[in-house]
């Protein structure tokens, strides 16, 4: 269940209440007239099943409450109520399948913002991966993939494509390009420093490296894994099962590929650098294609579910 808290101008409160009352899957409606001070208005609260929330949010936004008042949504961790249980049972579909598009857009907007913290994380992850490729250490590679924050902008780009939001798409693209460029440039400098300290060497980079040579040898498996990971990551975001994102992060070699390209470039190993760059681009393409396709399928399926529910209510 989700908890909705609305601030509504007095002249739209009745309409907002009617929308809530006729939405299947709502419970615990409360109205506090004149309670809001900034902006002035009434406070309306209710609980709504997750699978009914997206349609209700669309209707409330159509009233202009996001401009004249406020719409806040919170997850309810525990609700001991027979009315809430009945509301969830009556709501069409399954909660795990429901997509809250406004929530997804807001979450990916934040994750797609180019910030000092984002650049720091992707740079540190790339440096960790650089140590992993030189040492041929798979544990460091996995650790670097888990630290890398690049799936946020990738998810934001997919969401922007589906929702036709060019500003969000541009924001996500800038975060990806600038983030990887800054991380790779810093890793080139890091590689020079480690070489000067006799910790990195060209011989180590040229070695057979059985645990990490796949990073600069892209093949169809690289693309297939990226597609599967992109679909899984998108599903984990839309269904609020964020735990799956850890598995997604350690399934694709975006950060290790960027690190290998940077280290190889610092040693003028351009063939290896190009192979790593191909691996990076192949992974990014696979994730974007799969993420976008997954969101499109969810959008179509859920729209059909809502149409069938509306038809059933009309009798």
C-alpha atoms as a PDB file:
ATOM      1  CA  UNK A   1       0.000   0.000   0.000  1.00  0.00           C
ATOM      2  CA  UNK A   2       0.942   3.626  -0.559  1.00  0.00           C
ATOM      3  CA  UNK A   3      -0.041   6.667   1.491  1.00  0.00           C
ATOM      4  CA  UNK A   4      -1.103   9.810  -0.376  1.00  0.00           C
ATOM      5  CA  UNK A   5      -1.035  13.235   1.259  1.00  0.00           C
ATOM      6  CA  UNK A   6      -2.562  16.035  -0.761  1.00  0.00           C
ATOM      7  CA  UNK A   7      -2.777  19.775  -0.270  1.00  0.00           C
ATOM      8  CA  UNK A   8      -5.753  20.946  -2.282  1.00  0.00           C
ATOM      9  CA  UNK A   9      -7.151  24.433  -2.836  1.00  0.00           C
ATOM     10  CA  UNK A  10     -10.601  24.640  -1.251  1.00  0.00           C
ATOM     11  CA  UNK A  11     -12.363  24.857  -4.619  1.00  0.00           C
ATOM     12  CA  UNK A  12     -10.828  21.565  -5.847  1.00  0.00           C
ATOM     13  CA  UNK A  13     -11.079  19.489  -2.661  1.00  0.00           C
ATOM     14  CA  UNK A  14     -14.475  18.008  -3.476  1.00  0.00           C
ATOM     15  CA  UNK A  15     -13.340  16.923  -6.936  1.00  0.00           C
ATOM     16  CA  UNK A  16     -10.151  15.375  -5.525  1.00  0.00           C
ATOM     17  CA  UNK A  17     -12.209  13.487  -2.931  1.00  0.00           C
ATOM     18  CA  UNK A  18     -14.578  12.212  -5.625  1.00  0.00           C
ATOM     19  CA  UNK A  19     -11.622  10.955  -7.660  1.00  0.00           C
ATOM     20  CA  UNK A  20     -10.298   9.062  -4.653  1.00  0.00           C
ATOM     21  CA  UNK A  21     -13.701   7.620  -3.734  1.00  0.00           C
ATOM     22  CA  UNK A  22     -14.367   6.238  -7.196  1.00  0.00           C
ATOM     23  CA  UNK A  23     -10.881   4.725  -7.567  1.00  0.00           C
ATOM     24  CA  UNK A  24     -10.954   1.015  -6.825  1.00  0.00           C
ATOM     25  CA  UNK A  25      -8.210   0.156  -4.366  1.00  0.00           C
ATOM     26  CA  UNK A  26      -8.358   3.153  -1.987  1.00  0.00           C
ATOM     27  CA  UNK A  27      -9.011   3.198   1.752  1.00  0.00           C
ATOM     28  CA  UNK A  28      -8.730   5.368   4.867  1.00  0.00           C
ATOM     29  CA  UNK A  29      -9.790   8.650   3.269  1.00  0.00           C
ATOM     30  CA  UNK A  30      -9.440  11.662   5.585  1.00  0.00           C
ATOM     31  CA  UNK A  31     -10.078  15.358   4.918  1.00  0.00           C
ATOM     32  CA  UNK A  32      -8.840  18.158   7.175  1.00  0.00           C
ATOM     33  CA  UNK A  33     -10.379  21.446   5.951  1.00  0.00           C
ATOM     34  CA  UNK A  34      -8.160  24.515   6.102  1.00  0.00           C
ATOM     35  CA  UNK A  35      -5.213  22.680   7.689  1.00  0.00           C
ATOM     36  CA  UNK A  36      -2.641  23.662   5.076  1.00  0.00           C
ATOM     37  CA  UNK A  37      -0.876  27.017   5.371  1.00  0.00           C
ATOM     38  CA  UNK A  38       1.754  27.044   2.602  1.00  0.00           C
ATOM     39  CA  UNK A  39       0.115  26.746   0.179  1.00  0.00           C
ATOM     40  CA  UNK A  40      -3.247  27.447   1.764  1.00  0.00           C
ATOM     41  CA  UNK A  41      -5.872  24.781   1.369  1.00  0.00           C
ATOM     42  CA  UNK A  42      -7.213  21.530   2.722  1.00  0.00           C
ATOM     43  CA  UNK A  43      -5.248  18.397   3.580  1.00  0.00           C
ATOM     44  CA  UNK A  44      -6.564  15.188   2.027  1.00  0.00           C
ATOM     45  CA  UNK A  45      -5.041  11.831   2.958  1.00  0.00           C
ATOM     46  CA  UNK A  46      -5.741   8.280   1.860  1.00  0.00           C
ATOM     47  CA  UNK A  47      -4.132   4.907   1.340  1.00  0.00           C
ATOM     48  CA  UNK A  48      -4.117   3.347  -2.119  1.00  0.00           C
ATOM     49  CA  UNK A  49      -3.043  -0.018  -3.496  1.00  0.00           C
ATOM     50  CA  UNK A  50       0.127   0.285  -5.549  1.00  0.00           C
ATOM     51  CA  UNK A  51      -1.571  -1.145  -8.627  1.00  0.00           C
ATOM     52  CA  UNK A  52      -4.233   1.595  -8.505  1.00  0.00           C
ATOM     53  CA  UNK A  53      -1.912   4.476  -7.686  1.00  0.00           C
ATOM     54  CA  UNK A  54      -0.656   5.381 -11.157  1.00  0.00           C
ATOM     55  CA  UNK A  55      -4.122   6.061 -12.555  1.00  0.00           C
ATOM     56  CA  UNK A  56      -5.123   8.050  -9.490  1.00  0.00           C
ATOM     57  CA  UNK A  57      -1.964  10.157  -9.681  1.00  0.00           C
ATOM     58  CA  UNK A  58      -2.672  10.924 -13.345  1.00  0.00           C
ATOM     59  CA  UNK A  59      -6.203  12.084 -12.444  1.00  0.00           C
ATOM     60  CA  UNK A  60      -4.957  14.237  -9.571  1.00  0.00           C
ATOM     61  CA  UNK A  61      -2.340  15.856 -11.784  1.00  0.00           C
ATOM     62  CA  UNK A  62      -5.061  16.559 -14.340  1.00  0.00           C
ATOM     63  CA  UNK A  63      -6.724  18.657 -11.621  1.00  0.00           C
ATOM     64  CA  UNK A  64      -3.513  20.703 -11.445  1.00  0.00           C
ATOM     65  CA  UNK A  65      -2.706  19.759  -7.848  1.00  0.00           C
ATOM     66  CA  UNK A  66       0.983  19.435  -8.672  1.00  0.00           C
ATOM     67  CA  UNK A  67       0.902  23.162  -9.535  1.00  0.00           C
ATOM     68  CA  UNK A  68      -1.690  24.634  -7.159  1.00  0.00           C
ATOM     69  CA  UNK A  69      -1.128  22.334  -4.213  1.00  0.00           C
ATOM     70  CA  UNK A  70       0.927  19.261  -3.435  1.00  0.00           C
ATOM     71  CA  UNK A  71       0.920  15.503  -4.035  1.00  0.00           C
ATOM     72  CA  UNK A  72       3.138  13.410  -1.763  1.00  0.00           C
ATOM     73  CA  UNK A  73       3.443   9.622  -1.909  1.00  0.00           C
ATOM     74  CA  UNK A  74       4.958   7.375   0.752  1.00  0.00           C
ATOM     75  CA  UNK A  75       5.361   3.612   1.043  1.00  0.00           C
ATOM     76  CA  UNK A  76       3.509   1.947   3.894  1.00  0.00           C
ATOM     77  CA  UNK A  77       5.710  -0.722   5.438  1.00  0.00           C
ATOM     78  CA  UNK A  78       2.965  -2.152   7.639  1.00  0.00           C
ATOM     79  CA  UNK A  79      -0.805  -1.683   7.556  1.00  0.00           C
ATOM     80  CA  UNK A  80      -3.034  -3.661   9.935  1.00  0.00           C
ATOM     81  CA  UNK A  81      -6.420  -3.000   8.412  1.00  0.00           C
ATOM     82  CA  UNK A  82      -9.108  -5.161   6.863  1.00  0.00           C
ATOM     83  CA  UNK A  83     -10.101  -2.199   4.670  1.00  0.00           C
ATOM     84  CA  UNK A  84      -6.560  -1.965   3.325  1.00  0.00           C
ATOM     85  CA  UNK A  85      -6.504  -5.715   2.656  1.00  0.00           C
ATOM     86  CA  UNK A  86      -9.821  -5.448   0.806  1.00  0.00           C
ATOM     87  CA  UNK A  87      -8.611  -2.454  -1.205  1.00  0.00           C
ATOM     88  CA  UNK A  88      -5.528  -4.359  -2.343  1.00  0.00           C
ATOM     89  CA  UNK A  89      -7.666  -7.353  -3.268  1.00  0.00           C
ATOM     90  CA  UNK A  90     -10.133  -5.220  -5.248  1.00  0.00           C
ATOM     91  CA  UNK A  91      -7.482  -3.257  -7.150  1.00  0.00           C
ATOM     92  CA  UNK A  92      -6.812  -4.602 -10.663  1.00  0.00           C
ATOM     93  CA  UNK A  93      -3.579  -6.458 -11.302  1.00  0.00           C
ATOM     94  CA  UNK A  94      -0.717  -7.274  -8.973  1.00  0.00           C
ATOM     95  CA  UNK A  95       1.255  -4.778  -6.908  1.00  0.00           C
ATOM     96  CA  UNK A  96       4.590  -6.258  -8.043  1.00  0.00           C
ATOM     97  CA  UNK A  97       3.652  -5.626 -11.692  1.00  0.00           C
ATOM     98  CA  UNK A  98       2.479  -2.030 -11.226  1.00  0.00           C
ATOM     99  CA  UNK A  99       4.623   0.813 -12.555  1.00  0.00           C
ATOM    100  CA  UNK A 100       4.434   4.221 -10.874  1.00  0.00           C
ATOM    101  CA  UNK A 101       5.662   6.329 -13.765  1.00  0.00           C
ATOM    102  CA  UNK A 102       5.887   9.544 -11.754  1.00  0.00           C
ATOM    103  CA  UNK A 103       7.926   7.799  -9.067  1.00  0.00           C
ATOM    104  CA  UNK A 104      10.183   6.194 -11.669  1.00  0.00           C
ATOM    105  CA  UNK A 105      10.721   9.513 -13.456  1.00  0.00           C
ATOM    106  CA  UNK A 106      11.523  11.285 -10.196  1.00  0.00           C
ATOM    107  CA  UNK A 107      13.923   8.561  -9.037  1.00  0.00           C
ATOM    108  CA  UNK A 108      15.802   8.340 -12.340  1.00  0.00           C
ATOM    109  CA  UNK A 109      15.931  12.141 -12.575  1.00  0.00           C
ATOM    110  CA  UNK A 110      17.869  12.229  -9.307  1.00  0.00           C
ATOM    111  CA  UNK A 111      20.116   9.313 -10.294  1.00  0.00           C
ATOM    112  CA  UNK A 112      20.824  10.936 -13.679  1.00  0.00           C
ATOM    113  CA  UNK A 113      22.136  14.184 -12.257  1.00  0.00           C
ATOM    114  CA  UNK A 114      25.800  14.920 -12.901  1.00  0.00           C
ATOM    115  CA  UNK A 115      27.176  15.694  -9.455  1.00  0.00           C
ATOM    116  CA  UNK A 116      30.506  15.630  -7.678  1.00  0.00           C
ATOM    117  CA  UNK A 117      29.408  12.522  -5.765  1.00  0.00           C
ATOM    118  CA  UNK A 118      28.469  10.688  -8.968  1.00  0.00           C
ATOM    119  CA  UNK A 119      31.799  11.552 -10.621  1.00  0.00           C
ATOM    120  CA  UNK A 120      33.670  10.522  -7.469  1.00  0.00           C
ATOM    121  CA  UNK A 121      31.953   7.132  -7.322  1.00  0.00           C
ATOM    122  CA  UNK A 122      32.480   6.289 -10.991  1.00  0.00           C
ATOM    123  CA  UNK A 123      36.100   7.481 -10.818  1.00  0.00           C
ATOM    124  CA  UNK A 124      36.865   5.411  -7.723  1.00  0.00           C
ATOM    125  CA  UNK A 125      35.147   2.393  -9.259  1.00  0.00           C
ATOM    126  CA  UNK A 126      37.226   2.769 -12.431  1.00  0.00           C
ATOM    127  CA  UNK A 127      40.450   3.034 -10.429  1.00  0.00           C
ATOM    128  CA  UNK A 128      39.551  -0.095  -8.450  1.00  0.00           C
ATOM    129  CA  UNK A 129      38.874  -1.888 -11.730  1.00  0.00           C
ATOM    130  CA  UNK A 130      42.241  -0.648 -13.059  1.00  0.00           C
ATOM    131  CA  UNK A 131      43.964  -2.426 -10.187  1.00  0.00           C
ATOM    132  CA  UNK A 132      41.879  -5.494 -10.960  1.00  0.00           C
ATOM    133  CA  UNK A 133      42.864  -5.686 -14.637  1.00  0.00           C
ATOM    134  CA  UNK A 134      46.573  -5.199 -13.955  1.00  0.00           C
ATOM    135  CA  UNK A 135      46.558  -7.793 -11.164  1.00  0.00           C
ATOM    136  CA  UNK A 136      44.150 -10.066 -13.095  1.00  0.00           C
ATOM    137  CA  UNK A 137      42.036 -10.114  -9.928  1.00  0.00           C
ATOM    138  CA  UNK A 138      38.382 -11.006 -10.512  1.00  0.00           C
ATOM    139  CA  UNK A 139      37.387  -9.989  -6.970  1.00  0.00           C
ATOM    140  CA  UNK A 140      38.507  -6.406  -7.580  1.00  0.00           C
ATOM    141  CA  UNK A 141      36.613  -6.385 -10.881  1.00  0.00           C
ATOM    142  CA  UNK A 142      33.408  -7.502  -9.160  1.00  0.00           C
ATOM    143  CA  UNK A 143      33.929  -4.916  -6.429  1.00  0.00           C
ATOM    144  CA  UNK A 144      34.406  -2.160  -8.991  1.00  0.00           C
ATOM    145  CA  UNK A 145      31.230  -3.170 -10.819  1.00  0.00           C
ATOM    146  CA  UNK A 146      29.271  -3.041  -7.560  1.00  0.00           C
ATOM    147  CA  UNK A 147      30.594   0.448  -6.741  1.00  0.00           C
ATOM    148  CA  UNK A 148      29.908   1.922 -10.188  1.00  0.00           C
ATOM    149  CA  UNK A 149      26.816   4.190 -10.284  1.00  0.00           C
ATOM    150  CA  UNK A 150      26.324   4.168 -14.058  1.00  0.00           C
ATOM    151  CA  UNK A 151      23.036   2.234 -14.084  1.00  0.00           C
ATOM    152  CA  UNK A 152      21.197   5.288 -12.716  1.00  0.00           C
ATOM    153  CA  UNK A 153      21.789   7.461 -15.807  1.00  0.00           C
ATOM    154  CA  UNK A 154      21.183   4.465 -18.075  1.00  0.00           C
ATOM    155  CA  UNK A 155      17.793   3.874 -16.432  1.00  0.00           C
ATOM    156  CA  UNK A 156      17.082   7.591 -16.656  1.00  0.00           C
ATOM    157  CA  UNK A 157      17.846   7.586 -20.375  1.00  0.00           C
ATOM    158  CA  UNK A 158      15.534   4.607 -20.966  1.00  0.00           C
ATOM    159  CA  UNK A 159      12.750   6.255 -18.964  1.00  0.00           C
ATOM    160  CA  UNK A 160      13.188   9.490 -20.888  1.00  0.00           C
ATOM    161  CA  UNK A 161      12.901   7.676 -24.214  1.00  0.00           C
ATOM    162  CA  UNK A 162       9.675   5.936 -23.187  1.00  0.00           C
ATOM    163  CA  UNK A 163       8.129   9.044 -21.618  1.00  0.00           C
ATOM    164  CA  UNK A 164       9.395  11.297 -24.408  1.00  0.00           C
ATOM    165  CA  UNK A 165      11.217  13.592 -21.993  1.00  0.00           C
ATOM    166  CA  UNK A 166      14.121  15.150 -23.950  1.00  0.00           C
ATOM    167  CA  UNK A 167      15.441  17.154 -20.987  1.00  0.00           C
ATOM    168  CA  UNK A 168      15.741  14.037 -18.832  1.00  0.00           C
ATOM    169  CA  UNK A 169      17.365  12.187 -21.744  1.00  0.00           C
ATOM    170  CA  UNK A 170      19.924  14.963 -22.192  1.00  0.00           C
ATOM    171  CA  UNK A 171      20.629  15.084 -18.449  1.00  0.00           C
ATOM    172  CA  UNK A 172      21.215  11.317 -18.361  1.00  0.00           C
ATOM    173  CA  UNK A 173      23.386  11.375 -21.478  1.00  0.00           C
ATOM    174  CA  UNK A 174      25.541  14.170 -20.081  1.00  0.00           C
ATOM    175  CA  UNK A 175      25.974  12.284 -16.798  1.00  0.00           C
ATOM    176  CA  UNK A 176      27.066   9.158 -18.677  1.00  0.00           C
ATOM    177  CA  UNK A 177      29.450  10.841 -21.099  1.00  0.00           C
ATOM    178  CA  UNK A 178      31.024  13.299 -18.666  1.00  0.00           C
ATOM    179  CA  UNK A 179      31.176  10.713 -15.895  1.00  0.00           C
ATOM    180  CA  UNK A 180      32.987   8.090 -17.978  1.00  0.00           C
ATOM    181  CA  UNK A 181      35.242  10.692 -19.608  1.00  0.00           C
ATOM    182  CA  UNK A 182      36.286  12.111 -16.239  1.00  0.00           C
ATOM    183  CA  UNK A 183      36.774   8.643 -14.742  1.00  0.00           C
ATOM    184  CA  UNK A 184      38.887   7.419 -17.655  1.00  0.00           C
ATOM    185  CA  UNK A 185      41.008  10.571 -17.724  1.00  0.00           C
ATOM    186  CA  UNK A 186      41.625  10.301 -13.977  1.00  0.00           C
ATOM    187  CA  UNK A 187      42.457   6.608 -14.352  1.00  0.00           C
ATOM    188  CA  UNK A 188      45.059   7.392 -17.024  1.00  0.00           C
ATOM    189  CA  UNK A 189      46.743   9.695 -14.514  1.00  0.00           C
ATOM    190  CA  UNK A 190      46.331   7.053 -11.803  1.00  0.00           C
ATOM    191  CA  UNK A 191      48.006   4.502 -14.091  1.00  0.00           C
ATOM    192  CA  UNK A 192      51.000   6.809 -14.658  1.00  0.00           C
ATOM    193  CA  UNK A 193      51.305   7.271 -10.897  1.00  0.00           C
ATOM    194  CA  UNK A 194      51.104   3.538 -10.178  1.00  0.00           C
ATOM    195  CA  UNK A 195      53.690   2.874 -12.880  1.00  0.00           C
ATOM    196  CA  UNK A 196      56.021   5.424 -11.317  1.00  0.00           C
ATOM    197  CA  UNK A 197      55.582   3.581  -8.002  1.00  0.00           C
ATOM    198  CA  UNK A 198      56.427   0.291  -9.785  1.00  0.00           C
ATOM    199  CA  UNK A 199      52.979  -1.093  -8.982  1.00  0.00           C
ATOM    200  CA  UNK A 200      51.662  -1.169 -12.567  1.00  0.00           C
ATOM    201  CA  UNK A 201      53.670  -2.430 -15.537  1.00  0.00           C
ATOM    202  CA  UNK A 202      53.223  -2.937 -19.256  1.00  0.00           C
ATOM    203  CA  UNK A 203      54.202  -6.591 -18.868  1.00  0.00           C
ATOM    204  CA  UNK A 204      51.347  -7.190 -16.418  1.00  0.00           C
ATOM    205  CA  UNK A 205      48.897  -5.577 -18.827  1.00  0.00           C
ATOM    206  CA  UNK A 206      50.168  -7.640 -21.767  1.00  0.00           C
ATOM    207  CA  UNK A 207      50.085 -10.917 -19.832  1.00  0.00           C
ATOM    208  CA  UNK A 208      47.520 -13.601 -20.685  1.00  0.00           C
ATOM    209  CA  UNK A 209      45.279 -12.550 -17.748  1.00  0.00           C
ATOM    210  CA  UNK A 210      42.880 -15.534 -17.827  1.00  0.00           C
ATOM    211  CA  UNK A 211      40.509 -13.972 -15.287  1.00  0.00           C
ATOM    212  CA  UNK A 212      40.088 -10.576 -16.951  1.00  0.00           C
ATOM    213  CA  UNK A 213      41.040 -10.809 -20.636  1.00  0.00           C
ATOM    214  CA  UNK A 214      37.340 -10.992 -21.562  1.00  0.00           C
ATOM    215  CA  UNK A 215      37.150  -7.271 -20.804  1.00  0.00           C
ATOM    216  CA  UNK A 216      38.983  -6.293 -23.992  1.00  0.00           C
ATOM    217  CA  UNK A 217      37.653  -9.201 -26.089  1.00  0.00           C
ATOM    218  CA  UNK A 218      33.971  -8.386 -26.662  1.00  0.00           C
ATOM    219  CA  UNK A 219      31.716 -11.003 -28.222  1.00  0.00           C
ATOM    220  CA  UNK A 220      28.024 -11.783 -28.564  1.00  0.00           C
ATOM    221  CA  UNK A 221      27.884 -13.070 -24.998  1.00  0.00           C
ATOM    222  CA  UNK A 222      28.826  -9.570 -23.821  1.00  0.00           C
ATOM    223  CA  UNK A 223      25.816  -8.135 -25.627  1.00  0.00           C
ATOM    224  CA  UNK A 224      23.449 -10.896 -24.480  1.00  0.00           C
ATOM    225  CA  UNK A 225      24.446 -10.464 -20.823  1.00  0.00           C
ATOM    226  CA  UNK A 226      24.052  -6.678 -21.116  1.00  0.00           C
ATOM    227  CA  UNK A 227      20.542  -7.119 -22.552  1.00  0.00           C
ATOM    228  CA  UNK A 228      19.526  -9.529 -19.796  1.00  0.00           C
ATOM    229  CA  UNK A 229      21.014  -7.293 -17.108  1.00  0.00           C
ATOM    230  CA  UNK A 230      19.312  -4.217 -18.557  1.00  0.00           C
ATOM    231  CA  UNK A 231      15.921  -5.927 -18.455  1.00  0.00           C
ATOM    232  CA  UNK A 232      16.503  -7.207 -14.917  1.00  0.00           C
ATOM    233  CA  UNK A 233      17.681  -3.807 -13.673  1.00  0.00           C
ATOM    234  CA  UNK A 234      14.677  -2.034 -15.149  1.00  0.00           C
ATOM    235  CA  UNK A 235      12.284  -4.538 -13.598  1.00  0.00           C
ATOM    236  CA  UNK A 236      13.979  -4.076 -10.222  1.00  0.00           C
ATOM    237  CA  UNK A 237      13.378  -0.322 -10.423  1.00  0.00           C
ATOM    238  CA  UNK A 238       9.761  -0.477 -11.547  1.00  0.00           C
ATOM    239  CA  UNK A 239       8.808  -3.151  -9.020  1.00  0.00           C
ATOM    240  CA  UNK A 240      10.759  -1.502  -6.165  1.00  0.00           C
ATOM    241  CA  UNK A 241      12.890  -4.639  -5.763  1.00  0.00           C
ATOM    242  CA  UNK A 242      16.129  -2.689  -5.505  1.00  0.00           C
ATOM    243  CA  UNK A 243      18.049  -5.669  -4.149  1.00  0.00           C
ATOM    244  CA  UNK A 244      18.252  -7.053  -7.672  1.00  0.00           C
ATOM    245  CA  UNK A 245      20.291  -4.035  -8.748  1.00  0.00           C
ATOM    246  CA  UNK A 246      23.377  -5.432  -7.027  1.00  0.00           C
ATOM    247  CA  UNK A 247      23.207  -8.488  -9.282  1.00  0.00           C
ATOM    248  CA  UNK A 248      22.749  -6.254 -12.303  1.00  0.00           C
ATOM    249  CA  UNK A 249      25.757  -4.153 -11.341  1.00  0.00           C
ATOM    250  CA  UNK A 250      28.092  -7.159 -11.237  1.00  0.00           C
ATOM    251  CA  UNK A 251      26.746  -8.647 -14.475  1.00  0.00           C
ATOM    252  CA  UNK A 252      27.985  -6.036 -16.936  1.00  0.00           C
ATOM    253  CA  UNK A 253      31.529  -4.847 -17.600  1.00  0.00           C
ATOM    254  CA  UNK A 254      31.018  -1.147 -18.227  1.00  0.00           C
ATOM    255  CA  UNK A 255      33.347   0.144 -15.501  1.00  0.00           C
ATOM    256  CA  UNK A 256      36.032  -2.565 -15.982  1.00  0.00           C
ATOM    257  CA  UNK A 257      36.018  -1.913 -19.731  1.00  0.00           C
ATOM    258  CA  UNK A 258      36.511   1.813 -19.138  1.00  0.00           C
ATOM    259  CA  UNK A 259      39.332   1.044 -16.702  1.00  0.00           C
ATOM    260  CA  UNK A 260      41.093  -1.366 -19.067  1.00  0.00           C
ATOM    261  CA  UNK A 261      40.830   1.163 -21.894  1.00  0.00           C
ATOM    262  CA  UNK A 262      42.383   3.871 -19.714  1.00  0.00           C
ATOM    263  CA  UNK A 263      45.266   1.707 -18.481  1.00  0.00           C
ATOM    264  CA  UNK A 264      45.929   0.343 -21.971  1.00  0.00           C
ATOM    265  CA  UNK A 265      45.951   3.882 -23.370  1.00  0.00           C
ATOM    266  CA  UNK A 266      48.497   4.972 -20.771  1.00  0.00           C
ATOM    267  CA  UNK A 267      50.833   2.217 -22.021  1.00  0.00           C
ATOM    268  CA  UNK A 268      50.069   2.914 -25.709  1.00  0.00           C
ATOM    269  CA  UNK A 269      48.429  -0.503 -26.015  1.00  0.00           C
ATOM    270  CA  UNK A 270      45.908   0.901 -28.456  1.00  0.00           C
ATOM    271  CA  UNK A 271      44.544  -2.421 -29.721  1.00  0.00           C
ATOM    272  CA  UNK A 272      43.608  -3.457 -26.212  1.00  0.00           C
ATOM    273  CA  UNK A 273      42.258   0.017 -25.502  1.00  0.00           C
ATOM    274  CA  UNK A 274      40.006  -0.164 -28.569  1.00  0.00           C
ATOM    275  CA  UNK A 275      38.785  -3.654 -27.646  1.00  0.00           C
ATOM    276  CA  UNK A 276      37.865  -2.387 -24.177  1.00  0.00           C
ATOM    277  CA  UNK A 277      36.074   0.616 -25.670  1.00  0.00           C
ATOM    278  CA  UNK A 278      34.052  -1.723 -27.898  1.00  0.00           C
ATOM    279  CA  UNK A 279      33.139  -3.752 -24.822  1.00  0.00           C
ATOM    280  CA  UNK A 280      32.010  -0.580 -23.037  1.00  0.00           C
ATOM    281  CA  UNK A 281      29.879   0.619 -25.945  1.00  0.00           C
ATOM    282  CA  UNK A 282      28.385  -2.846 -26.487  1.00  0.00           C
ATOM    283  CA  UNK A 283      27.322  -3.052 -22.846  1.00  0.00           C
ATOM    284  CA  UNK A 284      25.841   0.436 -22.841  1.00  0.00           C
ATOM    285  CA  UNK A 285      23.894  -0.290 -26.030  1.00  0.00           C
ATOM    286  CA  UNK A 286      22.555  -3.597 -24.704  1.00  0.00           C
ATOM    287  CA  UNK A 287      21.377  -2.062 -21.441  1.00  0.00           C
ATOM    288  CA  UNK A 288      19.657   0.878 -23.157  1.00  0.00           C
ATOM    289  CA  UNK A 289      17.891  -1.328 -25.709  1.00  0.00           C
ATOM    290  CA  UNK A 290      16.729  -3.835 -23.103  1.00  0.00           C
ATOM    291  CA  UNK A 291      15.720  -1.199 -20.558  1.00  0.00           C
ATOM    292  CA  UNK A 292      13.699   0.760 -23.104  1.00  0.00           C
ATOM    293  CA  UNK A 293      12.022  -2.373 -24.465  1.00  0.00           C
ATOM    294  CA  UNK A 294      11.155  -3.535 -20.944  1.00  0.00           C
ATOM    295  CA  UNK A 295       9.524  -0.219 -20.073  1.00  0.00           C
ATOM    296  CA  UNK A 296       7.585  -0.176 -23.342  1.00  0.00           C
ATOM    297  CA  UNK A 297       6.243  -3.677 -22.716  1.00  0.00           C
ATOM    298  CA  UNK A 298       5.268  -2.750 -19.162  1.00  0.00           C
ATOM    299  CA  UNK A 299       3.568   0.409 -20.394  1.00  0.00           C
ATOM    300  CA  UNK A 300       1.501  -1.494 -22.964  1.00  0.00           C
ATOM    301  CA  UNK A 301       0.570  -4.323 -20.608  1.00  0.00           C
ATOM    302  CA  UNK A 302      -0.405  -2.035 -17.745  1.00  0.00           C
ATOM    303  CA  UNK A 303      -2.400   0.258 -20.019  1.00  0.00           C
ATOM    304  CA  UNK A 304      -4.352  -2.785 -21.177  1.00  0.00           C
ATOM    305  CA  UNK A 305      -4.920  -3.835 -17.578  1.00  0.00           C
ATOM    306  CA  UNK A 306      -6.284  -0.412 -16.718  1.00  0.00           C
ATOM    307  CA  UNK A 307      -8.605  -0.413 -19.737  1.00  0.00           C
ATOM    308  CA  UNK A 308      -9.993  -3.804 -18.787  1.00  0.00           C
ATOM    309  CA  UNK A 309     -10.517  -2.682 -15.192  1.00  0.00           C
ATOM    310  CA  UNK A 310     -12.283   0.490 -16.306  1.00  0.00           C
ATOM    311  CA  UNK A 311     -14.515  -1.528 -18.652  1.00  0.00           C
ATOM    312  CA  UNK A 312     -15.376  -3.947 -15.841  1.00  0.00           C
ATOM    313  CA  UNK A 313     -16.328  -1.050 -13.515  1.00  0.00           C
ATOM    314  CA  UNK A 314     -18.661   0.384 -16.164  1.00  0.00           C
ATOM    315  CA  UNK A 315     -20.345  -2.991 -16.294  1.00  0.00           C
END
